[in-house]
N, C-alpha and C. Protein backbone atom coordinates (compact mmCIF):
# COMPACT_ATOMS: atom_id res chain seq x y z
N VAL A 1 109.06 98.48 115.55
CA VAL A 1 107.82 98.22 115.06
C VAL A 1 107.58 98.77 113.53
N THR A 2 108.10 99.97 113.38
CA THR A 2 107.95 100.58 112.04
C THR A 2 108.80 99.80 110.94
N GLU A 3 109.83 99.17 111.28
CA GLU A 3 110.65 98.37 110.39
C GLU A 3 109.93 97.03 110.14
N ALA A 4 109.34 96.47 111.07
CA ALA A 4 108.58 95.20 110.93
C ALA A 4 107.35 95.48 109.99
N ILE A 5 106.69 96.62 110.20
CA ILE A 5 105.49 96.87 109.37
C ILE A 5 105.95 97.02 107.84
N ASN A 6 107.15 97.80 107.71
CA ASN A 6 107.61 98.08 106.48
C ASN A 6 107.98 96.82 105.65
N VAL A 7 108.61 95.85 106.34
CA VAL A 7 109.05 94.49 105.76
C VAL A 7 107.73 93.81 105.39
N ILE A 8 106.71 93.83 106.24
CA ILE A 8 105.50 93.04 105.88
C ILE A 8 104.83 93.64 104.67
N LEU A 9 104.71 95.00 104.67
CA LEU A 9 104.05 95.63 103.47
C LEU A 9 104.90 95.53 102.18
N GLU A 10 106.17 95.45 102.24
CA GLU A 10 107.16 95.25 101.14
C GLU A 10 106.92 93.82 100.60
N SER A 11 106.79 92.83 101.46
CA SER A 11 106.61 91.39 100.93
C SER A 11 105.20 91.33 100.40
N ILE A 12 104.15 91.90 100.85
CA ILE A 12 102.89 91.82 100.24
C ILE A 12 102.95 92.44 98.85
N THR A 13 103.57 93.60 98.86
CA THR A 13 103.68 94.29 97.53
C THR A 13 104.40 93.50 96.41
N GLU A 14 105.49 92.87 96.81
CA GLU A 14 106.29 92.13 95.84
C GLU A 14 105.39 90.85 95.46
N ALA A 15 104.75 90.25 96.32
CA ALA A 15 103.93 89.00 96.00
C ALA A 15 102.88 89.41 94.95
N VAL A 16 102.16 90.52 95.33
CA VAL A 16 101.07 90.93 94.40
C VAL A 16 101.62 91.33 93.00
N ALA A 17 102.72 91.92 92.99
CA ALA A 17 103.40 92.30 91.66
C ALA A 17 103.72 91.10 90.83
N LEU A 18 104.03 89.95 91.46
CA LEU A 18 104.24 88.67 90.79
C LEU A 18 102.98 87.92 90.60
N ASP A 19 101.89 88.56 90.57
CA ASP A 19 100.48 87.92 90.22
C ASP A 19 100.15 86.92 91.36
N GLU A 20 100.54 87.02 92.58
CA GLU A 20 100.14 86.08 93.63
C GLU A 20 99.06 86.84 94.44
N LYS A 21 98.10 85.91 94.99
CA LYS A 21 97.17 86.44 95.83
C LYS A 21 97.63 86.37 97.34
N VAL A 22 97.57 87.28 98.20
CA VAL A 22 97.92 87.26 99.47
C VAL A 22 96.73 87.42 100.43
N GLU A 23 96.56 86.33 101.32
CA GLU A 23 95.40 86.29 102.14
C GLU A 23 95.82 86.37 103.59
N ILE A 24 95.31 87.22 104.46
CA ILE A 24 95.63 87.35 105.80
C ILE A 24 94.24 86.93 106.50
N ARG A 25 94.18 85.78 107.13
CA ARG A 25 93.03 85.33 107.71
C ARG A 25 92.53 86.42 108.77
N GLY A 26 91.18 86.69 108.69
CA GLY A 26 90.64 87.70 109.61
C GLY A 26 90.80 89.09 109.33
N PHE A 27 91.69 89.39 108.24
CA PHE A 27 92.01 90.72 107.83
C PHE A 27 91.49 91.08 106.47
N GLY A 28 91.92 90.28 105.47
CA GLY A 28 91.48 90.54 104.06
C GLY A 28 92.46 89.85 103.15
N THR A 29 92.22 90.23 101.79
CA THR A 29 92.90 89.60 100.72
C THR A 29 93.50 90.69 99.80
N PHE A 30 94.74 90.66 99.39
CA PHE A 30 95.31 91.55 98.56
C PHE A 30 95.52 90.87 97.14
N SER A 31 95.14 91.49 96.06
CA SER A 31 95.39 90.91 94.74
C SER A 31 95.61 91.99 93.70
N LYS A 32 95.87 91.59 92.46
CA LYS A 32 96.17 92.57 91.40
C LYS A 32 94.95 92.68 90.56
N LYS A 33 94.41 93.88 90.28
CA LYS A 33 93.29 94.23 89.48
C LYS A 33 93.72 94.96 88.23
N PHE A 34 93.39 94.53 87.09
CA PHE A 34 93.53 95.20 85.82
C PHE A 34 92.52 96.09 85.42
N ILE A 35 92.80 97.38 84.98
CA ILE A 35 91.92 98.34 84.46
C ILE A 35 92.02 98.30 83.00
N ARG A 36 90.91 98.28 82.25
CA ARG A 36 90.82 98.17 80.85
C ARG A 36 91.46 99.34 80.21
N PRO A 37 91.92 99.18 78.96
CA PRO A 37 92.50 100.36 78.19
C PRO A 37 91.41 101.36 77.97
N ARG A 38 91.74 102.68 77.84
CA ARG A 38 90.76 103.73 77.61
C ARG A 38 91.28 104.82 76.89
N LYS A 39 90.36 105.72 76.32
CA LYS A 39 91.01 106.93 75.70
C LYS A 39 90.48 108.06 76.56
N PHE A 40 91.31 109.13 76.45
CA PHE A 40 90.93 110.39 77.18
C PHE A 40 91.21 111.65 76.27
N THR A 41 90.61 112.71 76.62
CA THR A 41 90.82 113.95 75.80
C THR A 41 91.38 114.96 76.76
N ASN A 42 92.46 115.64 76.35
CA ASN A 42 92.97 116.68 77.07
C ASN A 42 92.06 117.95 76.95
N PRO A 43 91.56 118.55 77.99
CA PRO A 43 90.47 119.55 77.93
C PRO A 43 91.08 120.80 77.30
N LYS A 44 92.35 121.10 77.52
CA LYS A 44 92.98 122.27 77.07
C LYS A 44 93.26 122.26 75.57
N THR A 45 93.87 121.24 75.07
CA THR A 45 94.29 121.17 73.71
C THR A 45 93.28 120.29 72.79
N LYS A 46 92.36 119.65 73.50
CA LYS A 46 91.30 118.80 72.72
C LYS A 46 92.03 117.65 72.05
N GLU A 47 93.21 117.21 72.43
CA GLU A 47 93.95 116.24 71.86
C GLU A 47 93.53 114.95 72.56
N VAL A 48 93.16 113.90 71.63
CA VAL A 48 92.73 112.56 72.05
C VAL A 48 93.99 111.66 72.24
N SER A 49 94.13 111.05 73.35
CA SER A 49 95.25 110.17 73.72
C SER A 49 94.65 108.86 74.23
N TYR A 50 95.42 107.76 74.20
CA TYR A 50 95.03 106.45 74.71
C TYR A 50 95.89 106.06 75.83
N LEU A 51 95.24 105.40 76.83
CA LEU A 51 96.00 104.96 78.05
C LEU A 51 95.90 103.44 77.99
N GLY A 52 96.93 102.70 78.03
CA GLY A 52 96.91 101.25 77.94
C GLY A 52 96.32 100.69 79.19
N GLU A 53 96.37 99.29 79.27
CA GLU A 53 95.83 98.61 80.43
C GLU A 53 96.85 98.82 81.58
N THR A 54 96.19 99.08 82.78
CA THR A 54 96.89 99.49 83.99
C THR A 54 96.55 98.40 85.03
N ALA A 55 97.46 98.11 85.93
CA ALA A 55 97.26 97.16 86.98
C ALA A 55 97.45 97.98 88.33
N ILE A 56 96.40 97.68 89.29
CA ILE A 56 96.41 98.28 90.56
C ILE A 56 96.36 97.21 91.64
N MET A 57 96.72 97.51 92.79
CA MET A 57 96.53 96.55 93.98
C MET A 57 95.05 96.73 94.51
N HIS A 58 94.37 95.60 94.74
CA HIS A 58 93.05 95.44 95.13
C HIS A 58 93.03 94.86 96.51
N PHE A 59 92.21 95.53 97.56
CA PHE A 59 92.11 94.86 98.81
C PHE A 59 90.69 94.62 99.11
N LYS A 60 90.44 93.37 99.48
CA LYS A 60 89.04 93.03 99.88
C LYS A 60 89.02 92.58 101.31
N PRO A 61 88.27 93.35 102.23
CA PRO A 61 88.38 93.06 103.68
C PRO A 61 87.54 91.80 103.88
N SER A 62 87.97 91.11 105.02
CA SER A 62 87.30 89.86 105.40
C SER A 62 85.89 90.28 105.98
N LYS A 63 85.08 89.26 106.14
CA LYS A 63 83.60 89.42 106.68
C LYS A 63 83.76 89.99 108.11
N SER A 64 84.69 89.38 108.98
CA SER A 64 84.88 89.81 110.36
C SER A 64 85.29 91.19 110.39
N LEU A 65 86.10 91.72 109.41
CA LEU A 65 86.66 93.13 109.60
C LEU A 65 85.42 94.08 109.19
N THR A 66 84.53 93.69 108.26
CA THR A 66 83.51 94.59 107.87
C THR A 66 82.28 94.55 108.76
N LYS A 67 82.24 93.51 109.65
CA LYS A 67 81.10 93.39 110.50
C LYS A 67 80.97 94.50 111.50
N LYS A 68 79.85 95.11 111.64
CA LYS A 68 79.61 96.18 112.59
C LYS A 68 79.29 95.75 113.90
């Protein structure tokens, strides 16, 4: 069972990394979300640095999964 779940999660991760949207009916949708570039300050050294655009995996649950 563990091996089967690992294979499924790996294939979802690979598909999302290739900018594909993965939908599992009745469960939800996995997609890639981009976070805008931003600057931040190191509180110890007061040095200002910049962080480029980042991509994260986004999960949106289906209506049947969120229904109470």
